[in-house]
Amino acid sequence: MAADPALALEAVAAAMHALFAVLSRSPGAAASLPELELLQAPKLRAQTVGRLASALADAYETVYAALTAPANGYAGAEAAVGHTPAQLRTVCQGL
């Protein structure tokens, strides 16, 4: 994976940093995704936000695992990414 220029560690890590930053600075999912406010039913909105948060955390964990797997050839991936999947899950719980 590391040999593919489109998957350079710097680019992937920057995207992961950007995702973490957007999710961690928002006071809630509505600030990041105003479309969620269109869901009138509070229960449905909460379920949707929960599913979205889970999907984001799962995707982040998949990418993180690929970057940190020795077979993929990324040296220093943990330091470059900076945030673990557990940290992102914690942030997602606050959405």
PDB file of N, CA and C in Angstrom:
ATOM      1  N   MET A   1       0.810  -1.197   0.000  1.00  0.00           N
ATOM      2  CA  MET A   1       0.000   0.000   0.000  1.00  0.00           C
ATOM      3  C   MET A   1       0.856   1.265   0.000  1.00  0.00           C
ATOM      4  N   ALA A   2       1.896   1.278   0.786  1.00  0.00           N
ATOM      5  CA  ALA A   2       2.707   2.485   0.936  1.00  0.00           C
ATOM      6  C   ALA A   2       3.362   2.905  -0.372  1.00  0.00           C
ATOM      7  N   ALA A   3       3.528   1.971  -1.303  1.00  0.00           N
ATOM      8  CA  ALA A   3       4.169   2.290  -2.579  1.00  0.00           C
ATOM      9  C   ALA A   3       3.245   3.061  -3.511  1.00  0.00           C
ATOM     10  N   ASP A   4       1.964   3.058  -3.255  1.00  0.00           N
ATOM     11  CA  ASP A   4       1.002   3.779  -4.100  1.00  0.00           C
ATOM     12  C   ASP A   4       1.044   5.263  -3.730  1.00  0.00           C
ATOM     13  N   PRO A   5       1.401   6.140  -4.691  1.00  0.00           N
ATOM     14  CA  PRO A   5       1.493   7.578  -4.371  1.00  0.00           C
ATOM     15  C   PRO A   5       0.183   8.170  -3.847  1.00  0.00           C
ATOM     16  N   ALA A   6      -0.933   7.634  -4.284  1.00  0.00           N
ATOM     17  CA  ALA A   6      -2.224   8.147  -3.817  1.00  0.00           C
ATOM     18  C   ALA A   6      -2.480   7.794  -2.356  1.00  0.00           C
ATOM     19  N   LEU A   7      -1.736   6.808  -1.853  1.00  0.00           N
ATOM     20  CA  LEU A   7      -1.908   6.375  -0.470  1.00  0.00           C
ATOM     21  C   LEU A   7      -0.686   6.700   0.380  1.00  0.00           C
ATOM     22  N   ALA A   8       0.005   7.769   0.011  1.00  0.00           N
ATOM     23  CA  ALA A   8       1.175   8.193   0.781  1.00  0.00           C
ATOM     24  C   ALA A   8       0.757   8.467   2.223  1.00  0.00           C
ATOM     25  N   LEU A   9       1.607   8.103   3.154  1.00  0.00           N
ATOM     26  CA  LEU A   9       1.297   8.264   4.572  1.00  0.00           C
ATOM     27  C   LEU A   9       0.896   9.695   4.909  1.00  0.00           C
ATOM     28  N   GLU A  10       1.592  10.658   4.348  1.00  0.00           N
ATOM     29  CA  GLU A  10       1.286  12.059   4.651  1.00  0.00           C
ATOM     30  C   GLU A  10      -0.138  12.421   4.232  1.00  0.00           C
ATOM     31  N   ALA A  11      -0.565  11.957   3.075  1.00  0.00           N
ATOM     32  CA  ALA A  11      -1.907  12.279   2.581  1.00  0.00           C
ATOM     33  C   ALA A  11      -2.991  11.593   3.408  1.00  0.00           C
ATOM     34  N   VAL A  12      -2.792  10.320   3.691  1.00  0.00           N
ATOM     35  CA  VAL A  12      -3.792   9.581   4.466  1.00  0.00           C
ATOM     36  C   VAL A  12      -3.852  10.120   5.894  1.00  0.00           C
ATOM     37  N   ALA A  13      -2.699  10.380   6.487  1.00  0.00           N
ATOM     38  CA  ALA A  13      -2.674  10.918   7.849  1.00  0.00           C
ATOM     39  C   ALA A  13      -3.332  12.296   7.899  1.00  0.00           C
ATOM     40  N   ALA A  14      -3.118  13.115   6.882  1.00  0.00           N
ATOM     41  CA  ALA A  14      -3.750  14.446   6.846  1.00  0.00           C
ATOM     42  C   ALA A  14      -5.271  14.322   6.789  1.00  0.00           C
ATOM     43  N   ALA A  15      -5.764  13.382   6.010  1.00  0.00           N
ATOM     44  CA  ALA A  15      -7.213  13.173   5.930  1.00  0.00           C
ATOM     45  C   ALA A  15      -7.768  12.693   7.267  1.00  0.00           C
ATOM     46  N   MET A  16      -7.033  11.828   7.932  1.00  0.00           N
ATOM     47  CA  MET A  16      -7.480  11.336   9.237  1.00  0.00           C
ATOM     48  C   MET A  16      -7.450  12.447  10.288  1.00  0.00           C
ATOM     49  N   HIS A  17      -6.438  13.289  10.220  1.00  0.00           N
ATOM     50  CA  HIS A  17      -6.377  14.448  11.130  1.00  0.00           C
ATOM     51  C   HIS A  17      -7.558  15.376  10.884  1.00  0.00           C
ATOM     52  N   ALA A  18      -7.870  15.611   9.616  1.00  0.00           N
ATOM     53  CA  ALA A  18      -8.980  16.507   9.276  1.00  0.00           C
ATOM     54  C   ALA A  18     -10.301  15.957   9.798  1.00  0.00           C
ATOM     55  N   LEU A  19     -10.527  14.664   9.639  1.00  0.00           N
ATOM     56  CA  LEU A  19     -11.753  14.049  10.147  1.00  0.00           C
ATOM     57  C   LEU A  19     -11.832  14.199  11.663  1.00  0.00           C
ATOM     58  N   PHE A  20     -10.752  13.894  12.343  1.00  0.00           N
ATOM     59  CA  PHE A  20     -10.737  14.010  13.801  1.00  0.00           C
ATOM     60  C   PHE A  20     -11.013  15.452  14.223  1.00  0.00           C
ATOM     61  N   ALA A  21     -10.408  16.404  13.532  1.00  0.00           N
ATOM     62  CA  ALA A  21     -10.591  17.814  13.880  1.00  0.00           C
ATOM     63  C   ALA A  21     -12.036  18.251  13.706  1.00  0.00           C
ATOM     64  N   VAL A  22     -12.654  17.867  12.612  1.00  0.00           N
ATOM     65  CA  VAL A  22     -14.046  18.249  12.370  1.00  0.00           C
ATOM     66  C   VAL A  22     -14.960  17.664  13.433  1.00  0.00           C
ATOM     67  N   LEU A  23     -14.749  16.404  13.741  1.00  0.00           N
ATOM     68  CA  LEU A  23     -15.619  15.753  14.720  1.00  0.00           C
ATOM     69  C   LEU A  23     -15.374  16.243  16.138  1.00  0.00           C
ATOM     70  N   SER A  24     -14.145  16.563  16.470  1.00  0.00           N
ATOM     71  CA  SER A  24     -13.844  16.948  17.852  1.00  0.00           C
ATOM     72  C   SER A  24     -14.167  18.398  18.159  1.00  0.00           C
ATOM     73  N   ARG A  25     -14.227  19.257  17.161  1.00  0.00           N
ATOM     74  CA  ARG A  25     -14.527  20.659  17.466  1.00  0.00           C
ATOM     75  C   ARG A  25     -16.004  20.986  17.370  1.00  0.00           C
ATOM     76  N   SER A  26     -16.766  20.087  16.826  1.00  0.00           N
ATOM     77  CA  SER A  26     -18.197  20.328  16.690  1.00  0.00           C
ATOM     78  C   SER A  26     -18.899  20.093  18.019  1.00  0.00           C
ATOM     79  N   PRO A  27     -19.855  20.945  18.349  1.00  0.00           N
ATOM     80  CA  PRO A  27     -20.607  20.723  19.581  1.00  0.00           C
ATOM     81  C   PRO A  27     -21.595  19.572  19.451  1.00  0.00           C
ATOM     82  N   GLY A  28     -21.718  18.998  18.293  1.00  0.00           N
ATOM     83  CA  GLY A  28     -22.625  17.884  18.057  1.00  0.00           C
ATOM     84  C   GLY A  28     -22.692  17.587  16.577  1.00  0.00           C
ATOM     85  N   ALA A  29     -23.346  16.511  16.245  1.00  0.00           N
ATOM     86  CA  ALA A  29     -23.437  16.104  14.846  1.00  0.00           C
ATOM     87  C   ALA A  29     -24.153  17.158  14.007  1.00  0.00           C
ATOM     88  N   ALA A  30     -25.085  17.859  14.602  1.00  0.00           N
ATOM     89  CA  ALA A  30     -25.847  18.851  13.851  1.00  0.00           C
ATOM     90  C   ALA A  30     -24.952  19.963  13.312  1.00  0.00           C
ATOM     91  N   ALA A  31     -23.911  20.296  14.041  1.00  0.00           N
ATOM     92  CA  ALA A  31     -23.004  21.344  13.585  1.00  0.00           C
ATOM     93  C   ALA A  31     -22.202  20.886  12.373  1.00  0.00           C
ATOM     94  N   SER A  32     -21.850  19.615  12.324  1.00  0.00           N
ATOM     95  CA  SER A  32     -21.084  19.085  11.203  1.00  0.00           C
ATOM     96  C   SER A  32     -21.979  18.713  10.031  1.00  0.00           C
ATOM     97  N   LEU A  33     -23.170  18.262  10.339  1.00  0.00           N
ATOM     98  CA  LEU A  33     -24.110  17.814   9.316  1.00  0.00           C
ATOM     99  C   LEU A  33     -25.483  18.442   9.566  1.00  0.00           C
ATOM    100  N   PRO A  34     -25.676  19.663   9.110  1.00  0.00           N
ATOM    101  CA  PRO A  34     -26.951  20.334   9.379  1.00  0.00           C
ATOM    102  C   PRO A  34     -28.157  19.599   8.787  1.00  0.00           C
ATOM    103  N   GLU A  35     -27.910  18.711   7.825  1.00  0.00           N
ATOM    104  CA  GLU A  35     -29.005  17.933   7.248  1.00  0.00           C
ATOM    105  C   GLU A  35     -29.700  17.066   8.290  1.00  0.00           C
ATOM    106  N   LEU A  36     -28.966  16.707   9.341  1.00  0.00           N
ATOM    107  CA  LEU A  36     -29.564  15.880  10.382  1.00  0.00           C
ATOM    108  C   LEU A  36     -30.692  16.610  11.103  1.00  0.00           C
ATOM    109  N   GLU A  37     -30.650  17.922  11.086  1.00  0.00           N
ATOM    110  CA  GLU A  37     -31.720  18.689  11.731  1.00  0.00           C
ATOM    111  C   GLU A  37     -33.047  18.543  10.989  1.00  0.00           C
ATOM    112  N   LEU A  38     -32.978  18.083   9.739  1.00  0.00           N
ATOM    113  CA  LEU A  38     -34.205  17.865   8.971  1.00  0.00           C
ATOM    114  C   LEU A  38     -35.000  16.678   9.502  1.00  0.00           C
ATOM    115  N   LEU A  39     -34.349  15.811  10.245  1.00  0.00           N
ATOM    116  CA  LEU A  39     -35.049  14.689  10.869  1.00  0.00           C
ATOM    117  C   LEU A  39     -35.808  15.220  12.081  1.00  0.00           C
ATOM    118  N   GLN A  40     -37.110  15.243  11.974  1.00  0.00           N
ATOM    119  CA  GLN A  40     -37.949  15.852  13.001  1.00  0.00           C
ATOM    120  C   GLN A  40     -38.070  15.002  14.266  1.00  0.00           C
ATOM    121  N   ALA A  41     -38.088  13.691  14.103  1.00  0.00           N
ATOM    122  CA  ALA A  41     -38.283  12.809  15.253  1.00  0.00           C
ATOM    123  C   ALA A  41     -36.968  12.658  16.019  1.00  0.00           C
ATOM    124  N   PRO A  42     -36.943  13.070  17.281  1.00  0.00           N
ATOM    125  CA  PRO A  42     -35.708  12.994  18.067  1.00  0.00           C
ATOM    126  C   PRO A  42     -35.121  11.586  18.148  1.00  0.00           C
ATOM    127  N   LYS A  43     -35.975  10.579  18.285  1.00  0.00           N
ATOM    128  CA  LYS A  43     -35.485   9.208  18.387  1.00  0.00           C
ATOM    129  C   LYS A  43     -34.808   8.781  17.081  1.00  0.00           C
ATOM    130  N   LEU A  44     -35.427   9.105  15.957  1.00  0.00           N
ATOM    131  CA  LEU A  44     -34.855   8.762  14.658  1.00  0.00           C
ATOM    132  C   LEU A  44     -33.544   9.510  14.435  1.00  0.00           C
ATOM    133  N   ARG A  45     -33.505  10.783  14.823  1.00  0.00           N
ATOM    134  CA  ARG A  45     -32.283  11.576  14.690  1.00  0.00           C
ATOM    135  C   ARG A  45     -31.158  10.973  15.544  1.00  0.00           C
ATOM    136  N   ALA A  46     -31.472  10.584  16.766  1.00  0.00           N
ATOM    137  CA  ALA A  46     -30.469   9.992  17.649  1.00  0.00           C
ATOM    138  C   ALA A  46     -29.958   8.659  17.090  1.00  0.00           C
ATOM    139  N   GLN A  47     -30.870   7.849  16.559  1.00  0.00           N
ATOM    140  CA  GLN A  47     -30.457   6.578  15.959  1.00  0.00           C
ATOM    141  C   GLN A  47     -29.562   6.817  14.745  1.00  0.00           C
ATOM    142  N   THR A  48     -29.915   7.789  13.931  1.00  0.00           N
ATOM    143  CA  THR A  48     -29.129   8.100  12.735  1.00  0.00           C
ATOM    144  C   THR A  48     -27.748   8.597  13.110  1.00  0.00           C
ATOM    145  N   VAL A  49     -27.671   9.478  14.077  1.00  0.00           N
ATOM    146  CA  VAL A  49     -26.377   9.983  14.537  1.00  0.00           C
ATOM    147  C   VAL A  49     -25.545   8.844  15.108  1.00  0.00           C
ATOM    148  N   GLY A  50     -26.159   7.963  15.856  1.00  0.00           N
ATOM    149  CA  GLY A  50     -25.443   6.820  16.416  1.00  0.00           C
ATOM    150  C   GLY A  50     -24.878   5.909  15.341  1.00  0.00           C
ATOM    151  N   ARG A  51     -25.669   5.647  14.326  1.00  0.00           N
ATOM    152  CA  ARG A  51     -25.198   4.799  13.218  1.00  0.00           C
ATOM    153  C   ARG A  51     -24.087   5.486  12.440  1.00  0.00           C
ATOM    154  N   LEU A  52     -24.240   6.772  12.222  1.00  0.00           N
ATOM    155  CA  LEU A  52     -23.210   7.531  11.512  1.00  0.00           C
ATOM    156  C   LEU A  52     -21.908   7.529  12.308  1.00  0.00           C
ATOM    157  N   ALA A  53     -21.991   7.770  13.592  1.00  0.00           N
ATOM    158  CA  ALA A  53     -20.799   7.771  14.443  1.00  0.00           C
ATOM    159  C   ALA A  53     -20.121   6.407  14.432  1.00  0.00           C
ATOM    160  N   SER A  54     -20.910   5.351  14.500  1.00  0.00           N
ATOM    161  CA  SER A  54     -20.357   4.004  14.475  1.00  0.00           C
ATOM    162  C   SER A  54     -19.677   3.714  13.137  1.00  0.00           C
ATOM    163  N   ALA A  55     -20.299   4.118  12.044  1.00  0.00           N
ATOM    164  CA  ALA A  55     -19.721   3.891  10.715  1.00  0.00           C
ATOM    165  C   ALA A  55     -18.420   4.667  10.540  1.00  0.00           C
ATOM    166  N   LEU A  56     -18.388   5.907  11.012  1.00  0.00           N
ATOM    167  CA  LEU A  56     -17.161   6.709  10.930  1.00  0.00           C
ATOM    168  C   LEU A  56     -16.045   6.076  11.753  1.00  0.00           C
ATOM    169  N   ALA A  57     -16.368   5.650  12.957  1.00  0.00           N
ATOM    170  CA  ALA A  57     -15.359   5.033  13.831  1.00  0.00           C
ATOM    171  C   ALA A  57     -14.861   3.722  13.239  1.00  0.00           C
ATOM    172  N   ASP A  58     -15.754   2.937  12.666  1.00  0.00           N
ATOM    173  CA  ASP A  58     -15.345   1.673  12.046  1.00  0.00           C
ATOM    174  C   ASP A  58     -14.427   1.920  10.851  1.00  0.00           C
ATOM    175  N   ALA A  59     -14.770   2.890  10.028  1.00  0.00           N
ATOM    176  CA  ALA A  59     -13.943   3.206   8.855  1.00  0.00           C
ATOM    177  C   ALA A  59     -12.567   3.708   9.292  1.00  0.00           C
ATOM    178  N   TYR A  60     -12.540   4.568  10.289  1.00  0.00           N
ATOM    179  CA  TYR A  60     -11.275   5.086  10.807  1.00  0.00           C
ATOM    180  C   TYR A  60     -10.412   3.933  11.323  1.00  0.00           C
ATOM    181  N   GLU A  61     -11.035   3.017  12.048  1.00  0.00           N
ATOM    182  CA  GLU A  61     -10.299   1.879  12.599  1.00  0.00           C
ATOM    183  C   GLU A  61      -9.736   0.994  11.483  1.00  0.00           C
ATOM    184  N   THR A  62     -10.490   0.811  10.420  1.00  0.00           N
ATOM    185  CA  THR A  62     -10.019   0.009   9.287  1.00  0.00           C
ATOM    186  C   THR A  62      -8.804   0.644   8.635  1.00  0.00           C
ATOM    187  N   VAL A  63      -8.864   1.949   8.406  1.00  0.00           N
ATOM    188  CA  VAL A  63      -7.732   2.650   7.792  1.00  0.00           C
ATOM    189  C   VAL A  63      -6.529   2.625   8.735  1.00  0.00           C
ATOM    190  N   TYR A  64      -6.766   2.867  10.007  1.00  0.00           N
ATOM    191  CA  TYR A  64      -5.684   2.852  10.996  1.00  0.00           C
ATOM    192  C   TYR A  64      -4.999   1.486  11.027  1.00  0.00           C
ATOM    193  N   ALA A  65      -5.790   0.432  11.012  1.00  0.00           N
ATOM    194  CA  ALA A  65      -5.227  -0.922  11.027  1.00  0.00           C
ATOM    195  C   ALA A  65      -4.391  -1.179   9.779  1.00  0.00           C
ATOM    196  N   ALA A  66      -4.850  -0.694   8.638  1.00  0.00           N
ATOM    197  CA  ALA A  66      -4.087  -0.875   7.401  1.00  0.00           C
ATOM    198  C   ALA A  66      -2.769  -0.107   7.457  1.00  0.00           C
ATOM    199  N   LEU A  67      -2.804   1.089   8.010  1.00  0.00           N
ATOM    200  CA  LEU A  67      -1.584   1.895   8.092  1.00  0.00           C
ATOM    201  C   LEU A  67      -0.567   1.313   9.066  1.00  0.00           C
ATOM    202  N   THR A  68      -1.043   0.718  10.121  1.00  0.00           N
ATOM    203  CA  THR A  68      -0.129   0.221  11.152  1.00  0.00           C
ATOM    204  C   THR A  68       0.272  -1.239  10.961  1.00  0.00           C
ATOM    205  N   ALA A  69      -0.307  -1.906   9.977  1.00  0.00           N
ATOM    206  CA  ALA A  69       0.082  -3.297   9.693  1.00  0.00           C
ATOM    207  C   ALA A  69       1.458  -3.303   9.036  1.00  0.00           C
ATOM    208  N   PRO A  70       2.415  -3.993   9.615  1.00  0.00           N
ATOM    209  CA  PRO A  70       3.776  -4.000   9.062  1.00  0.00           C
ATOM    210  C   PRO A  70       3.837  -4.424   7.592  1.00  0.00           C
ATOM    211  N   ALA A  71       2.962  -5.310   7.187  1.00  0.00           N
ATOM    212  CA  ALA A  71       2.981  -5.806   5.802  1.00  0.00           C
ATOM    213  C   ALA A  71       2.691  -4.711   4.778  1.00  0.00           C
ATOM    214  N   ASN A  72       2.076  -3.626   5.204  1.00  0.00           N
ATOM    215  CA  ASN A  72       1.715  -2.566   4.257  1.00  0.00           C
ATOM    216  C   ASN A  72       2.813  -1.529   4.049  1.00  0.00           C
ATOM    217  N   GLY A  73       3.872  -1.609   4.830  1.00  0.00           N
ATOM    218  CA  GLY A  73       5.059  -0.799   4.568  1.00  0.00           C
ATOM    219  C   GLY A  73       5.056   0.637   5.037  1.00  0.00           C
ATOM    220  N   TYR A  74       4.185   0.996   5.944  1.00  0.00           N
ATOM    221  CA  TYR A  74       4.174   2.365   6.467  1.00  0.00           C
ATOM    222  C   TYR A  74       5.015   2.424   7.742  1.00  0.00           C
ATOM    223  N   ALA A  75       6.085   3.161   7.695  1.00  0.00           N
ATOM    224  CA  ALA A  75       6.920   3.345   8.880  1.00  0.00           C
ATOM    225  C   ALA A  75       6.455   4.590   9.625  1.00  0.00           C
ATOM    226  N   GLY A  76       6.263   4.469  10.921  1.00  0.00           N
ATOM    227  CA  GLY A  76       5.869   5.616  11.733  1.00  0.00           C
ATOM    228  C   GLY A  76       4.430   6.041  11.571  1.00  0.00           C
ATOM    229  N   ALA A  77       3.567   5.127  11.165  1.00  0.00           N
ATOM    230  CA  ALA A  77       2.170   5.477  10.912  1.00  0.00           C
ATOM    231  C   ALA A  77       1.443   5.929  12.173  1.00  0.00           C
ATOM    232  N   GLU A  78       1.694   5.262  13.295  1.00  0.00           N
ATOM    233  CA  GLU A  78       0.996   5.629  14.534  1.00  0.00           C
ATOM    234  C   GLU A  78       1.283   7.077  14.912  1.00  0.00           C
ATOM    235  N   ALA A  79       2.527   7.477  14.800  1.00  0.00           N
ATOM    236  CA  ALA A  79       2.902   8.857  15.128  1.00  0.00           C
ATOM    237  C   ALA A  79       2.317   9.837  14.109  1.00  0.00           C
ATOM    238  N   ALA A  80       2.310   9.447  12.853  1.00  0.00           N
ATOM    239  CA  ALA A  80       1.805  10.347  11.804  1.00  0.00           C
ATOM    240  C   ALA A  80       0.307  10.575  11.939  1.00  0.00           C
ATOM    241  N   VAL A  81      -0.426   9.529  12.274  1.00  0.00           N
ATOM    242  CA  VAL A  81      -1.875   9.659  12.407  1.00  0.00           C
ATOM    243  C   VAL A  81      -2.225  10.426  13.683  1.00  0.00           C
ATOM    244  N   GLY A  82      -1.573  10.067  14.758  1.00  0.00           N
ATOM    245  CA  GLY A  82      -1.719  10.835  15.986  1.00  0.00           C
ATOM    246  C   GLY A  82      -2.866  10.455  16.896  1.00  0.00           C
ATOM    247  N   HIS A  83      -3.964   9.973  16.355  1.00  0.00           N
ATOM    248  CA  HIS A  83      -5.120   9.616  17.181  1.00  0.00           C
ATOM    249  C   HIS A  83      -5.480   8.156  16.933  1.00  0.00           C
ATOM    250  N   THR A  84      -5.702   7.449  17.998  1.00  0.00           N
ATOM    251  CA  THR A  84      -6.057   6.041  17.885  1.00  0.00           C
ATOM    252  C   THR A  84      -7.545   5.897  17.552  1.00  0.00           C
ATOM    253  N   PRO A  85      -7.942   4.718  17.083  1.00  0.00           N
ATOM    254  CA  PRO A  85      -9.368   4.484  16.875  1.00  0.00           C
ATOM    255  C   PRO A  85     -10.184   4.667  18.155  1.00  0.00           C
ATOM    256  N   ALA A  86      -9.618   4.289  19.290  1.00  0.00           N
ATOM    257  CA  ALA A  86     -10.335   4.472  20.560  1.00  0.00           C
ATOM    258  C   ALA A  86     -10.597   5.949  20.839  1.00  0.00           C
ATOM    259  N   GLN A  87      -9.638   6.797  20.523  1.00  0.00           N
ATOM    260  CA  GLN A  87      -9.829   8.233  20.731  1.00  0.00           C
ATOM    261  C   GLN A  87     -10.936   8.772  19.818  1.00  0.00           C
ATOM    262  N   LEU A  88     -10.957   8.299  18.575  1.00  0.00           N
ATOM    263  CA  LEU A  88     -12.010   8.756  17.664  1.00  0.00           C
ATOM    264  C   LEU A  88     -13.364   8.258  18.135  1.00  0.00           C
ATOM    265  N   ARG A  89     -13.424   7.027  18.615  1.00  0.00           N
ATOM    266  CA  ARG A  89     -14.707   6.508  19.134  1.00  0.00           C
ATOM    267  C   ARG A  89     -15.206   7.363  20.308  1.00  0.00           C
ATOM    268  N   THR A  90     -14.298   7.789  21.150  1.00  0.00           N
ATOM    269  CA  THR A  90     -14.682   8.653  22.266  1.00  0.00           C
ATOM    270  C   THR A  90     -15.274   9.958  21.763  1.00  0.00           C
ATOM    271  N   VAL A  91     -14.647  10.544  20.766  1.00  0.00           N
ATOM    272  CA  VAL A  91     -15.156  11.775  20.170  1.00  0.00           C
ATOM    273  C   VAL A  91     -16.537  11.526  19.547  1.00  0.00           C
ATOM    274  N   CYS A  92     -16.673  10.402  18.854  1.00  0.00           N
ATOM    275  CA  CYS A  92     -17.944  10.086  18.196  1.00  0.00           C
ATOM    276  C   CYS A  92     -19.071   9.887  19.192  1.00  0.00           C
ATOM    277  N   GLN A  93     -18.754   9.465  20.405  1.00  0.00           N
ATOM    278  CA  GLN A  93     -19.793   9.282  21.422  1.00  0.00           C
ATOM    279  C   GLN A  93     -20.420  10.624  21.802  1.00  0.00           C
ATOM    280  N   GLY A  94     -19.692  11.700  21.571  1.00  0.00           N
ATOM    281  CA  GLY A  94     -20.211  13.020  21.907  1.00  0.00           C
ATOM    282  C   GLY A  94     -21.024  13.665  20.813  1.00  0.00           C
ATOM    283  N   LEU A  95     -21.196  12.979  19.694  1.00  0.00           N
ATOM    284  CA  LEU A  95     -21.961  13.567  18.593  1.00  0.00           C
ATOM    285  C   LEU A  95     -23.433  13.601  18.908  1.00  0.00           C
TER     286      LEU A  95
END
